[in-house]
Amino acid sequence: QVDLVESGGGLVQTGGSLRLSCLASGRALSRYALGWFRQAPEKKREFVARIIWSGGSTNYADSVKGRFTISKDNAKNTVYLQMNSLKPEDTGVYYCTAGVPGFYNYWGQGTQVTVSS
């Protein structure tokens, strides 16, 4: 069992920055990837980024490459998503997730990110 708690969402203007945090608790985190998905109103949930807990390799959606950075702090059991150069299309609820890459079965409650134009 893995519990995930997100924080750091909010309202920001186009071009601004936000940093999301995800506090993870539970056993066997080292077996998993932790990542972020997002869901805009009336759209499907989509992959944003992920990081392998053991090793630290990362992967990003094309839409956020060069603007978002995912990182982790093992000592704090926390994953971060630094979001720069934000655009209105980045608006949505951002969810932290954990699991085997491609088979994420643990989810946080989500945090709202709103980018105003």
PDB file of N, CA and C in Angstrom:
ATOM      1  N   GLN A   1       0.836  -1.190   0.000  1.00  0.00           N
ATOM      2  CA  GLN A   1       0.000   0.000   0.000  1.00  0.00           C
ATOM      3  C   GLN A   1       0.877   1.248   0.000  1.00  0.00           C
ATOM      4  N   VAL A   2       0.555   2.182  -0.870  1.00  0.00           N
ATOM      5  CA  VAL A   2       1.274   3.459  -0.957  1.00  0.00           C
ATOM      6  C   VAL A   2       0.256   4.583  -0.838  1.00  0.00           C
ATOM      7  N   ASP A   3       0.522   5.516   0.037  1.00  0.00           N
ATOM      8  CA  ASP A   3      -0.320   6.705   0.168  1.00  0.00           C
ATOM      9  C   ASP A   3       0.415   7.900  -0.413  1.00  0.00           C
ATOM     10  N   LEU A   4      -0.320   8.735  -1.136  1.00  0.00           N
ATOM     11  CA  LEU A   4       0.271   9.874  -1.836  1.00  0.00           C
ATOM     12  C   LEU A   4      -0.532  11.126  -1.501  1.00  0.00           C
ATOM     13  N   VAL A   5       0.168  12.178  -1.122  1.00  0.00           N
ATOM     14  CA  VAL A   5      -0.494  13.444  -0.791  1.00  0.00           C
ATOM     15  C   VAL A   5       0.179  14.562  -1.567  1.00  0.00           C
ATOM     16  N   GLU A   6      -0.594  15.203  -2.454  1.00  0.00           N
ATOM     17  CA  GLU A   6      -0.061  16.290  -3.269  1.00  0.00           C
ATOM     18  C   GLU A   6      -0.262  17.640  -2.579  1.00  0.00           C
ATOM     19  N   SER A   7       0.575  18.580  -2.952  1.00  0.00           N
ATOM     20  CA  SER A   7       0.414  19.965  -2.520  1.00  0.00           C
ATOM     21  C   SER A   7       1.116  20.873  -3.517  1.00  0.00           C
ATOM     22  N   GLY A   8       0.807  22.169  -3.442  1.00  0.00           N
ATOM     23  CA  GLY A   8       1.525  23.136  -4.252  1.00  0.00           C
ATOM     24  C   GLY A   8       0.773  23.703  -5.438  1.00  0.00           C
ATOM     25  N   GLY A   9      -0.436  23.264  -5.666  1.00  0.00           N
ATOM     26  CA  GLY A   9      -1.203  23.831  -6.765  1.00  0.00           C
ATOM     27  C   GLY A   9      -1.633  25.258  -6.470  1.00  0.00           C
ATOM     28  N   GLY A  10      -2.213  25.898  -7.480  1.00  0.00           N
ATOM     29  CA  GLY A  10      -2.693  27.249  -7.286  1.00  0.00           C
ATOM     30  C   GLY A  10      -2.979  27.942  -8.594  1.00  0.00           C
ATOM     31  N   LEU A  11      -3.136  29.259  -8.502  1.00  0.00           N
ATOM     32  CA  LEU A  11      -3.426  30.093  -9.668  1.00  0.00           C
ATOM     33  C   LEU A  11      -2.178  30.880 -10.030  1.00  0.00           C
ATOM     34  N   VAL A  12      -1.831  30.855 -11.315  1.00  0.00           N
ATOM     35  CA  VAL A  12      -0.639  31.559 -11.779  1.00  0.00           C
ATOM     36  C   VAL A  12      -0.916  32.130 -13.157  1.00  0.00           C
ATOM     37  N   GLN A  13      -0.225  33.203 -13.501  1.00  0.00           N
ATOM     38  CA  GLN A  13      -0.384  33.791 -14.829  1.00  0.00           C
ATOM     39  C   GLN A  13       0.455  33.044 -15.855  1.00  0.00           C
ATOM     40  N   THR A  14       0.085  33.190 -17.103  1.00  0.00           N
ATOM     41  CA  THR A  14       0.865  32.606 -18.199  1.00  0.00           C
ATOM     42  C   THR A  14       2.319  33.040 -18.090  1.00  0.00           C
ATOM     43  N   GLY A  15       3.200  32.057 -18.239  1.00  0.00           N
ATOM     44  CA  GLY A  15       4.626  32.318 -18.127  1.00  0.00           C
ATOM     45  C   GLY A  15       5.176  32.130 -16.732  1.00  0.00           C
ATOM     46  N   GLY A  16       4.301  31.952 -15.769  1.00  0.00           N
ATOM     47  CA  GLY A  16       4.721  31.789 -14.385  1.00  0.00           C
ATOM     48  C   GLY A  16       5.174  30.380 -14.060  1.00  0.00           C
ATOM     49  N   SER A  17       5.478  30.174 -12.789  1.00  0.00           N
ATOM     50  CA  SER A  17       5.997  28.888 -12.324  1.00  0.00           C
ATOM     51  C   SER A  17       5.255  28.422 -11.074  1.00  0.00           C
ATOM     52  N   LEU A  18       5.197  27.111 -10.931  1.00  0.00           N
ATOM     53  CA  LEU A  18       4.685  26.475  -9.717  1.00  0.00           C
ATOM     54  C   LEU A  18       5.514  25.230  -9.466  1.00  0.00           C
ATOM     55  N   ARG A  19       5.578  24.837  -8.206  1.00  0.00           N
ATOM     56  CA  ARG A  19       6.200  23.561  -7.872  1.00  0.00           C
ATOM     57  C   ARG A  19       5.212  22.722  -7.085  1.00  0.00           C
ATOM     58  N   LEU A  20       4.928  21.543  -7.615  1.00  0.00           N
ATOM     59  CA  LEU A  20       4.074  20.584  -6.942  1.00  0.00           C
ATOM     60  C   LEU A  20       4.924  19.611  -6.141  1.00  0.00           C
ATOM     61  N   SER A  21       4.382  19.181  -5.013  1.00  0.00           N
ATOM     62  CA  SER A  21       5.046  18.188  -4.182  1.00  0.00           C
ATOM     63  C   SER A  21       4.118  17.007  -3.968  1.00  0.00           C
ATOM     64  N   CYS A  22       4.713  15.843  -3.829  1.00  0.00           N
ATOM     65  CA  CYS A  22       3.952  14.625  -3.557  1.00  0.00           C
ATOM     66  C   CYS A  22       4.686  13.848  -2.470  1.00  0.00           C
ATOM     67  N   LEU A  23       4.076  13.779  -1.300  1.00  0.00           N
ATOM     68  CA  LEU A  23       4.640  13.025  -0.189  1.00  0.00           C
ATOM     69  C   LEU A  23       4.145  11.591  -0.276  1.00  0.00           C
ATOM     70  N   ALA A  24       5.087  10.669  -0.376  1.00  0.00           N
ATOM     71  CA  ALA A  24       4.740   9.258  -0.525  1.00  0.00           C
ATOM     72  C   ALA A  24       5.054   8.493   0.755  1.00  0.00           C
ATOM     73  N   SER A  25       4.166   7.610   1.134  1.00  0.00           N
ATOM     74  CA  SER A  25       4.421   6.761   2.290  1.00  0.00           C
ATOM     75  C   SER A  25       3.983   5.352   1.952  1.00  0.00           C
ATOM     76  N   GLY A  26       4.705   4.393   2.542  1.00  0.00           N
ATOM     77  CA  GLY A  26       4.380   3.013   2.267  1.00  0.00           C
ATOM     78  C   GLY A  26       5.623   2.200   1.998  1.00  0.00           C
ATOM     79  N   ARG A  27       5.411   0.926   1.880  1.00  0.00           N
ATOM     80  CA  ARG A  27       6.534   0.023   1.688  1.00  0.00           C
ATOM     81  C   ARG A  27       6.899  -0.095   0.215  1.00  0.00           C
ATOM     82  N   ALA A  28       8.107  -0.475  -0.018  1.00  0.00           N
ATOM     83  CA  ALA A  28       8.561  -0.876  -1.359  1.00  0.00           C
ATOM     84  C   ALA A  28       8.512   0.236  -2.388  1.00  0.00           C
ATOM     85  N   LEU A  29       8.698   1.478  -1.944  1.00  0.00           N
ATOM     86  CA  LEU A  29       8.741   2.556  -2.925  1.00  0.00           C
ATOM     87  C   LEU A  29       9.842   2.324  -3.940  1.00  0.00           C
ATOM     88  N   SER A  30      10.921   1.699  -3.510  1.00  0.00           N
ATOM     89  CA  SER A  30      12.052   1.498  -4.403  1.00  0.00           C
ATOM     90  C   SER A  30      11.698   0.625  -5.602  1.00  0.00           C
ATOM     91  N   ARG A  31      10.575  -0.059  -5.538  1.00  0.00           N
ATOM     92  CA  ARG A  31      10.166  -0.915  -6.653  1.00  0.00           C
ATOM     93  C   ARG A  31       9.418  -0.128  -7.736  1.00  0.00           C
ATOM     94  N   TYR A  32       9.049   1.074  -7.402  1.00  0.00           N
ATOM     95  CA  TYR A  32       8.086   1.766  -8.238  1.00  0.00           C
ATOM     96  C   TYR A  32       8.662   2.966  -8.976  1.00  0.00           C
ATOM     97  N   ALA A  33       7.873   3.406  -9.942  1.00  0.00           N
ATOM     98  CA  ALA A  33       8.012   4.730 -10.504  1.00  0.00           C
ATOM     99  C   ALA A  33       6.959   5.620  -9.856  1.00  0.00           C
ATOM    100  N   LEU A  34       7.320   6.870  -9.666  1.00  0.00           N
ATOM    101  CA  LEU A  34       6.354   7.868  -9.218  1.00  0.00           C
ATOM    102  C   LEU A  34       6.213   8.906 -10.312  1.00  0.00           C
ATOM    103  N   GLY A  35       5.010   9.372 -10.494  1.00  0.00           N
ATOM    104  CA  GLY A  35       4.801  10.280 -11.603  1.00  0.00           C
ATOM    105  C   GLY A  35       3.648  11.232 -11.383  1.00  0.00           C
ATOM    106  N   TRP A  36       3.410  12.010 -12.415  1.00  0.00           N
ATOM    107  CA  TRP A  36       2.329  12.976 -12.418  1.00  0.00           C
ATOM    108  C   TRP A  36       1.490  12.811 -13.675  1.00  0.00           C
ATOM    109  N   PHE A  37       0.197  12.833 -13.482  1.00  0.00           N
ATOM    110  CA  PHE A  37      -0.771  12.919 -14.550  1.00  0.00           C
ATOM    111  C   PHE A  37      -1.592  14.189 -14.322  1.00  0.00           C
ATOM    112  N   ARG A  38      -2.296  14.601 -15.350  1.00  0.00           N
ATOM    113  CA  ARG A  38      -3.188  15.755 -15.181  1.00  0.00           C
ATOM    114  C   ARG A  38      -4.473  15.523 -15.963  1.00  0.00           C
ATOM    115  N   GLN A  39      -5.521  16.212 -15.523  1.00  0.00           N
ATOM    116  CA  GLN A  39      -6.804  16.095 -16.195  1.00  0.00           C
ATOM    117  C   GLN A  39      -7.455  17.461 -16.267  1.00  0.00           C
ATOM    118  N   ALA A  40      -7.666  17.916 -17.493  1.00  0.00           N
ATOM    119  CA  ALA A  40      -8.368  19.169 -17.728  1.00  0.00           C
ATOM    120  C   ALA A  40      -9.866  18.883 -17.797  1.00  0.00           C
ATOM    121  N   PRO A  41     -10.686  19.915 -17.589  1.00  0.00           N
ATOM    122  CA  PRO A  41     -12.145  19.709 -17.644  1.00  0.00           C
ATOM    123  C   PRO A  41     -12.570  19.074 -18.966  1.00  0.00           C
ATOM    124  N   GLU A  42     -13.369  18.043 -18.865  1.00  0.00           N
ATOM    125  CA  GLU A  42     -13.941  17.341 -20.019  1.00  0.00           C
ATOM    126  C   GLU A  42     -12.883  16.692 -20.896  1.00  0.00           C
ATOM    127  N   LYS A  43     -11.715  16.438 -20.351  1.00  0.00           N
ATOM    128  CA  LYS A  43     -10.667  15.738 -21.092  1.00  0.00           C
ATOM    129  C   LYS A  43     -10.204  14.527 -20.307  1.00  0.00           C
ATOM    130  N   LYS A  44      -9.555  13.609 -21.012  1.00  0.00           N
ATOM    131  CA  LYS A  44      -9.043  12.415 -20.367  1.00  0.00           C
ATOM    132  C   LYS A  44      -7.797  12.755 -19.553  1.00  0.00           C
ATOM    133  N   ARG A  45      -7.564  11.959 -18.525  1.00  0.00           N
ATOM    134  CA  ARG A  45      -6.347  12.111 -17.746  1.00  0.00           C
ATOM    135  C   ARG A  45      -5.148  11.773 -18.628  1.00  0.00           C
ATOM    136  N   GLU A  46      -4.107  12.588 -18.575  1.00  0.00           N
ATOM    137  CA  GLU A  46      -2.951  12.363 -19.425  1.00  0.00           C
ATOM    138  C   GLU A  46      -1.657  12.361 -18.624  1.00  0.00           C
ATOM    139  N   PHE A  47      -0.718  11.605 -19.133  1.00  0.00           N
ATOM    140  CA  PHE A  47       0.605  11.484 -18.526  1.00  0.00           C
ATOM    141  C   PHE A  47       1.359  12.797 -18.657  1.00  0.00           C
ATOM    142  N   VAL A  48       2.087  13.165 -17.585  1.00  0.00           N
ATOM    143  CA  VAL A  48       2.919  14.361 -17.612  1.00  0.00           C
ATOM    144  C   VAL A  48       4.398  13.999 -17.478  1.00  0.00           C
ATOM    145  N   ALA A  49       4.745  13.280 -16.426  1.00  0.00           N
ATOM    146  CA  ALA A  49       6.154  12.948 -16.179  1.00  0.00           C
ATOM    147  C   ALA A  49       6.220  11.826 -15.164  1.00  0.00           C
ATOM    148  N   ARG A  50       7.363  11.111 -15.171  1.00  0.00           N
ATOM    149  CA  ARG A  50       7.575  10.090 -14.160  1.00  0.00           C
ATOM    150  C   ARG A  50       9.054   9.956 -13.873  1.00  0.00           C
ATOM    151  N   ILE A  51       9.343   9.433 -12.681  1.00  0.00           N
ATOM    152  CA  ILE A  51      10.719   9.196 -12.265  1.00  0.00           C
ATOM    153  C   ILE A  51      10.788   7.844 -11.590  1.00  0.00           C
ATOM    154  N   ILE A  52      11.811   7.085 -11.898  1.00  0.00           N
ATOM    155  CA  ILE A  52      12.022   5.797 -11.253  1.00  0.00           C
ATOM    156  C   ILE A  52      12.637   6.052  -9.883  1.00  0.00           C
ATOM    157  N   TRP A  53      11.980   5.512  -8.842  1.00  0.00           N
ATOM    158  CA  TRP A  53      12.435   5.817  -7.488  1.00  0.00           C
ATOM    159  C   TRP A  53      13.868   5.338  -7.259  1.00  0.00           C
ATOM    160  N   SER A  54      14.174   4.155  -7.743  1.00  0.00           N
ATOM    161  CA  SER A  54      15.530   3.625  -7.601  1.00  0.00           C
ATOM    162  C   SER A  54      16.290   3.878  -8.894  1.00  0.00           C
ATOM    163  N   GLY A  55      17.184   4.829  -8.891  1.00  0.00           N
ATOM    164  CA  GLY A  55      17.933   5.136 -10.103  1.00  0.00           C
ATOM    165  C   GLY A  55      17.691   6.528 -10.620  1.00  0.00           C
ATOM    166  N   GLY A  56      16.428   6.959 -10.624  1.00  0.00           N
ATOM    167  CA  GLY A  56      16.132   8.334 -10.958  1.00  0.00           C
ATOM    168  C   GLY A  56      15.931   8.665 -12.418  1.00  0.00           C
ATOM    169  N   SER A  57      15.817   7.673 -13.285  1.00  0.00           N
ATOM    170  CA  SER A  57      15.581   8.014 -14.691  1.00  0.00           C
ATOM    171  C   SER A  57      14.204   8.650 -14.844  1.00  0.00           C
ATOM    172  N   THR A  58      14.102   9.546 -15.795  1.00  0.00           N
ATOM    173  CA  THR A  58      12.879  10.327 -15.961  1.00  0.00           C
ATOM    174  C   THR A  58      12.318  10.199 -17.364  1.00  0.00           C
ATOM    175  N   ASN A  59      11.048  10.544 -17.484  1.00  0.00           N
ATOM    176  CA  ASN A  59      10.386  10.547 -18.778  1.00  0.00           C
ATOM    177  C   ASN A  59       9.313  11.636 -18.743  1.00  0.00           C
ATOM    178  N   TYR A  60       9.116  12.312 -19.886  1.00  0.00           N
ATOM    179  CA  TYR A  60       8.184  13.431 -19.941  1.00  0.00           C
ATOM    180  C   TYR A  60       7.272  13.328 -21.150  1.00  0.00           C
ATOM    181  N   ALA A  61       6.090  13.890 -21.005  1.00  0.00           N
ATOM    182  CA  ALA A  61       5.229  14.078 -22.164  1.00  0.00           C
ATOM    183  C   ALA A  61       5.852  15.142 -23.068  1.00  0.00           C
ATOM    184  N   ASP A  62       5.654  15.005 -24.361  1.00  0.00           N
ATOM    185  CA  ASP A  62       6.231  15.971 -25.296  1.00  0.00           C
ATOM    186  C   ASP A  62       5.760  17.390 -25.001  1.00  0.00           C
ATOM    187  N   SER A  63       4.540  17.522 -24.529  1.00  0.00           N
ATOM    188  CA  SER A  63       3.955  18.840 -24.309  1.00  0.00           C
ATOM    189  C   SER A  63       4.613  19.621 -23.170  1.00  0.00           C
ATOM    190  N   VAL A  64       5.369  18.927 -22.315  1.00  0.00           N
ATOM    191  CA  VAL A  64       5.984  19.611 -21.171  1.00  0.00           C
ATOM    192  C   VAL A  64       7.505  19.564 -21.194  1.00  0.00           C
ATOM    193  N   LYS A  65       8.079  18.873 -22.158  1.00  0.00           N
ATOM    194  CA  LYS A  65       9.541  18.774 -22.226  1.00  0.00           C
ATOM    195  C   LYS A  65      10.164  20.158 -22.336  1.00  0.00           C
ATOM    196  N   GLY A  66      11.212  20.374 -21.556  1.00  0.00           N
ATOM    197  CA  GLY A  66      11.889  21.655 -21.567  1.00  0.00           C
ATOM    198  C   GLY A  66      11.265  22.686 -20.650  1.00  0.00           C
ATOM    199  N   ARG A  67      10.067  22.416 -20.133  1.00  0.00           N
ATOM    200  CA  ARG A  67       9.406  23.365 -19.228  1.00  0.00           C
ATOM    201  C   ARG A  67       9.211  22.778 -17.828  1.00  0.00           C
ATOM    202  N   PHE A  68       8.960  21.484 -17.748  1.00  0.00           N
ATOM    203  CA  PHE A  68       8.711  20.823 -16.464  1.00  0.00           C
ATOM    204  C   PHE A  68       9.900  19.940 -16.108  1.00  0.00           C
ATOM    205  N   THR A  69      10.159  19.837 -14.808  1.00  0.00           N
ATOM    206  CA  THR A  69      11.212  18.961 -14.319  1.00  0.00           C
ATOM    207  C   THR A  69      10.689  18.161 -13.134  1.00  0.00           C
ATOM    208  N   ILE A  70      10.823  16.850 -13.222  1.00  0.00           N
ATOM    209  CA  ILE A  70      10.445  15.992 -12.108  1.00  0.00           C
ATOM    210  C   ILE A  70      11.703  15.597 -11.353  1.00  0.00           C
ATOM    211  N   SER A  71      11.611  15.581 -10.031  1.00  0.00           N
ATOM    212  CA  SER A  71      12.760  15.210  -9.204  1.00  0.00           C
ATOM    213  C   SER A  71      12.250  14.557  -7.931  1.00  0.00           C
ATOM    214  N   LYS A  72      13.167  14.030  -7.145  1.00  0.00           N
ATOM    215  CA  LYS A  72      12.771  13.359  -5.908  1.00  0.00           C
ATOM    216  C   LYS A  72      13.779  13.619  -4.818  1.00  0.00           C
ATOM    217  N   ASP A  73      13.298  13.529  -3.599  1.00  0.00           N
ATOM    218  CA  ASP A  73      14.147  13.617  -2.417  1.00  0.00           C
ATOM    219  C   ASP A  73      13.899  12.339  -1.628  1.00  0.00           C
ATOM    220  N   ASN A  74      14.840  11.405  -1.725  1.00  0.00           N
ATOM    221  CA  ASN A  74      14.641  10.108  -1.082  1.00  0.00           C
ATOM    222  C   ASN A  74      14.477  10.250   0.431  1.00  0.00           C
ATOM    223  N   ALA A  75      15.240  11.144   1.026  1.00  0.00           N
ATOM    224  CA  ALA A  75      15.195  11.297   2.480  1.00  0.00           C
ATOM    225  C   ALA A  75      13.834  11.785   2.957  1.00  0.00           C
ATOM    226  N   LYS A  76      13.149  12.546   2.102  1.00  0.00           N
ATOM    227  CA  LYS A  76      11.845  13.088   2.464  1.00  0.00           C
ATOM    228  C   LYS A  76      10.698  12.297   1.841  1.00  0.00           C
ATOM    229  N   ASN A  77      11.029  11.255   1.087  1.00  0.00           N
ATOM    230  CA  ASN A  77       9.998  10.466   0.393  1.00  0.00           C
ATOM    231  C   ASN A  77       9.063  11.378  -0.405  1.00  0.00           C
ATOM    232  N   THR A  78       9.653  12.315  -1.088  1.00  0.00           N
ATOM    233  CA  THR A  78       8.864  13.320  -1.795  1.00  0.00           C
ATOM    234  C   THR A  78       9.308  13.433  -3.243  1.00  0.00           C
ATOM    235  N   VAL A  79       8.332  13.544  -4.122  1.00  0.00           N
ATOM    236  CA  VAL A  79       8.568  13.792  -5.536  1.00  0.00           C
ATOM    237  C   VAL A  79       8.063  15.196  -5.852  1.00  0.00           C
ATOM    238  N   TYR A  80       8.810  15.897  -6.672  1.00  0.00           N
ATOM    239  CA  TYR A  80       8.464  17.264  -7.039  1.00  0.00           C
ATOM    240  C   TYR A  80       8.225  17.371  -8.543  1.00  0.00           C
ATOM    241  N   LEU A  81       7.395  18.325  -8.896  1.00  0.00           N
ATOM    242  CA  LEU A  81       7.221  18.677 -10.298  1.00  0.00           C
ATOM    243  C   LEU A  81       7.371  20.189 -10.393  1.00  0.00           C
ATOM    244  N   GLN A  82       8.522  20.621 -10.906  1.00  0.00           N
ATOM    245  CA  GLN A  82       8.761  22.039 -11.129  1.00  0.00           C
ATOM    246  C   GLN A  82       8.209  22.397 -12.501  1.00  0.00           C
ATOM    247  N   MET A  83       7.291  23.346 -12.509  1.00  0.00           N
ATOM    248  CA  MET A  83       6.625  23.720 -13.752  1.00  0.00           C
ATOM    249  C   MET A  83       6.944  25.175 -14.067  1.00  0.00           C
ATOM    250  N   ASN A  84       7.636  25.391 -15.178  1.00  0.00           N
ATOM    251  CA  ASN A  84       8.014  26.730 -15.620  1.00  0.00           C
ATOM    252  C   ASN A  84       7.331  27.061 -16.939  1.00  0.00           C
ATOM    253  N   SER A  85       7.323  28.340 -17.275  1.00  0.00           N
ATOM    254  CA  SER A  85       6.737  28.798 -18.543  1.00  0.00           C
ATOM    255  C   SER A  85       5.340  28.226 -18.726  1.00  0.00           C
ATOM    256  N   LEU A  86       4.540  28.333 -17.701  1.00  0.00           N
ATOM    257  CA  LEU A  86       3.211  27.724 -17.735  1.00  0.00           C
ATOM    258  C   LEU A  86       2.307  28.393 -18.765  1.00  0.00           C
ATOM    259  N   LYS A  87       1.453  27.560 -19.361  1.00  0.00           N
ATOM    260  CA  LYS A  87       0.517  27.991 -20.394  1.00  0.00           C
ATOM    261  C   LYS A  87      -0.907  27.688 -19.933  1.00  0.00           C
ATOM    262  N   PRO A  88      -1.890  28.376 -20.481  1.00  0.00           N
ATOM    263  CA  PRO A  88      -3.278  28.076 -20.110  1.00  0.00           C
ATOM    264  C   PRO A  88      -3.645  26.607 -20.320  1.00  0.00           C
ATOM    265  N   GLU A  89      -3.071  25.978 -21.330  1.00  0.00           N
ATOM    266  CA  GLU A  89      -3.375  24.569 -21.583  1.00  0.00           C
ATOM    267  C   GLU A  89      -2.771  23.628 -20.552  1.00  0.00           C
ATOM    268  N   ASP A  90      -1.971  24.149 -19.635  1.00  0.00           N
ATOM    269  CA  ASP A  90      -1.472  23.333 -18.522  1.00  0.00           C
ATOM    270  C   ASP A  90      -2.484  23.267 -17.375  1.00  0.00           C
ATOM    271  N   THR A  91      -3.555  24.004 -17.479  1.00  0.00           N
ATOM    272  CA  THR A  91      -4.582  24.015 -16.447  1.00  0.00           C
ATOM    273  C   THR A  91      -5.211  22.643 -16.284  1.00  0.00           C
ATOM    274  N   GLY A  92      -5.418  22.250 -15.032  1.00  0.00           N
ATOM    275  CA  GLY A  92      -6.072  20.981 -14.755  1.00  0.00           C
ATOM    276  C   GLY A  92      -5.800  20.535 -13.337  1.00  0.00           C
ATOM    277  N   VAL A  93      -6.345  19.378 -13.000  1.00  0.00           N
ATOM    278  CA  VAL A  93      -6.039  18.754 -11.716  1.00  0.00           C
ATOM    279  C   VAL A  93      -4.846  17.831 -11.931  1.00  0.00           C
ATOM    280  N   TYR A  94      -3.843  18.018 -11.132  1.00  0.00           N
ATOM    281  CA  TYR A  94      -2.617  17.229 -11.231  1.00  0.00           C
ATOM    282  C   TYR A  94      -2.623  16.149 -10.149  1.00  0.00           C
ATOM    283  N   TYR A  95      -2.398  14.925 -10.600  1.00  0.00           N
ATOM    284  CA  TYR A  95      -2.436  13.770  -9.711  1.00  0.00           C
ATOM    285  C   TYR A  95      -1.054  13.139  -9.615  1.00  0.00           C
ATOM    286  N   CYS A  96      -0.653  12.842  -8.406  1.00  0.00           N
ATOM    287  CA  CYS A  96       0.553  12.059  -8.187  1.00  0.00           C
ATOM    288  C   CYS A  96       0.189  10.579  -8.239  1.00  0.00           C
ATOM    289  N   THR A  97       1.077   9.772  -8.786  1.00  0.00           N
ATOM    290  CA  THR A  97       0.779   8.358  -8.921  1.00  0.00           C
ATOM    291  C   THR A  97       2.026   7.537  -8.664  1.00  0.00           C
ATOM    292  N   ALA A  98       1.829   6.281  -8.318  1.00  0.00           N
ATOM    293  CA  ALA A  98       2.943   5.362  -8.085  1.00  0.00           C
ATOM    294  C   ALA A  98       2.568   3.979  -8.598  1.00  0.00           C
ATOM    295  N   GLY A  99       3.579   3.275  -9.071  1.00  0.00           N
ATOM    296  CA  GLY A  99       3.339   1.922  -9.548  1.00  0.00           C
ATOM    297  C   GLY A  99       4.417   1.505 -10.510  1.00  0.00           C
ATOM    298  N   VAL A 100       4.220   0.372 -11.103  1.00  0.00           N
ATOM    299  CA  VAL A 100       5.105  -0.074 -12.166  1.00  0.00           C
ATOM    300  C   VAL A 100       4.833   0.822 -13.382  1.00  0.00           C
ATOM    301  N   PRO A 101       5.857   1.334 -14.060  1.00  0.00           N
ATOM    302  CA  PRO A 101       5.597   2.228 -15.208  1.00  0.00           C
ATOM    303  C   PRO A 101       4.594   1.632 -16.177  1.00  0.00           C
ATOM    304  N   GLY A 102       3.564   2.408 -16.446  1.00  0.00           N
ATOM    305  CA  GLY A 102       2.503   1.948 -17.330  1.00  0.00           C
ATOM    306  C   GLY A 102       1.357   1.279 -16.623  1.00  0.00           C
ATOM    307  N   PHE A 103       1.556   0.953 -15.358  1.00  0.00           N
ATOM    308  CA  PHE A 103       0.507   0.290 -14.574  1.00  0.00           C
ATOM    309  C   PHE A 103       0.422   0.951 -13.209  1.00  0.00           C
ATOM    310  N   TYR A 104       0.083   2.230 -13.222  1.00  0.00           N
ATOM    311  CA  TYR A 104       0.021   2.983 -11.977  1.00  0.00           C
ATOM    312  C   TYR A 104      -1.247   2.623 -11.230  1.00  0.00           C
ATOM    313  N   ASN A 105      -1.101   2.151 -10.006  1.00  0.00           N
ATOM    314  CA  ASN A 105      -2.274   1.722  -9.267  1.00  0.00           C
ATOM    315  C   ASN A 105      -2.471   2.457  -7.952  1.00  0.00           C
ATOM    316  N   TYR A 106      -1.619   3.421  -7.668  1.00  0.00           N
ATOM    317  CA  TYR A 106      -1.805   4.257  -6.487  1.00  0.00           C
ATOM    318  C   TYR A 106      -1.900   5.710  -6.947  1.00  0.00           C
ATOM    319  N   TRP A 107      -2.887   6.413  -6.381  1.00  0.00           N
ATOM    320  CA  TRP A 107      -3.150   7.785  -6.812  1.00  0.00           C
ATOM    321  C   TRP A 107      -3.395   8.691  -5.608  1.00  0.00           C
ATOM    322  N   GLY A 108      -2.948   9.927  -5.726  1.00  0.00           N
ATOM    323  CA  GLY A 108      -3.282  10.926  -4.738  1.00  0.00           C
ATOM    324  C   GLY A 108      -4.637  11.541  -5.032  1.00  0.00           C
ATOM    325  N   GLN A 109      -5.008  12.512  -4.213  1.00  0.00           N
ATOM    326  CA  GLN A 109      -6.329  13.124  -4.340  1.00  0.00           C
ATOM    327  C   GLN A 109      -6.361  14.229  -5.387  1.00  0.00           C
ATOM    328  N   GLY A 110      -5.200  14.686  -5.813  1.00  0.00           N
ATOM    329  CA  GLY A 110      -5.126  15.714  -6.848  1.00  0.00           C
ATOM    330  C   GLY A 110      -4.984  17.114  -6.282  1.00  0.00           C
ATOM    331  N   THR A 111      -4.361  17.968  -7.074  1.00  0.00           N
ATOM    332  CA  THR A 111      -4.223  19.378  -6.709  1.00  0.00           C
ATOM    333  C   THR A 111      -4.481  20.222  -7.956  1.00  0.00           C
ATOM    334  N   GLN A 112      -5.245  21.301  -7.792  1.00  0.00           N
ATOM    335  CA  GLN A 112      -5.657  22.116  -8.929  1.00  0.00           C
ATOM    336  C   GLN A 112      -4.570  23.094  -9.324  1.00  0.00           C
ATOM    337  N   VAL A 113      -4.295  23.136 -10.627  1.00  0.00           N
ATOM    338  CA  VAL A 113      -3.404  24.131 -11.208  1.00  0.00           C
ATOM    339  C   VAL A 113      -4.207  24.924 -12.234  1.00  0.00           C
ATOM    340  N   THR A 114      -4.231  26.230 -12.083  1.00  0.00           N
ATOM    341  CA  THR A 114      -4.944  27.090 -13.009  1.00  0.00           C
ATOM    342  C   THR A 114      -3.987  28.147 -13.539  1.00  0.00           C
ATOM    343  N   VAL A 115      -3.873  28.210 -14.867  1.00  0.00           N
ATOM    344  CA  VAL A 115      -2.997  29.189 -15.514  1.00  0.00           C
ATOM    345  C   VAL A 115      -3.885  30.172 -16.256  1.00  0.00           C
ATOM    346  N   SER A 116      -3.840  31.414 -15.841  1.00  0.00           N
ATOM    347  CA  SER A 116      -4.677  32.434 -16.467  1.00  0.00           C
ATOM    348  C   SER A 116      -3.951  33.064 -17.646  1.00  0.00           C
ATOM    349  N   SER A 117      -4.743  33.442 -18.657  1.00  0.00           N
ATOM    350  CA  SER A 117      -4.158  34.030 -19.865  1.00  0.00           C
ATOM    351  C   SER A 117      -4.107  35.544 -19.761  1.00  0.00           C
TER     352      SER A 117
END
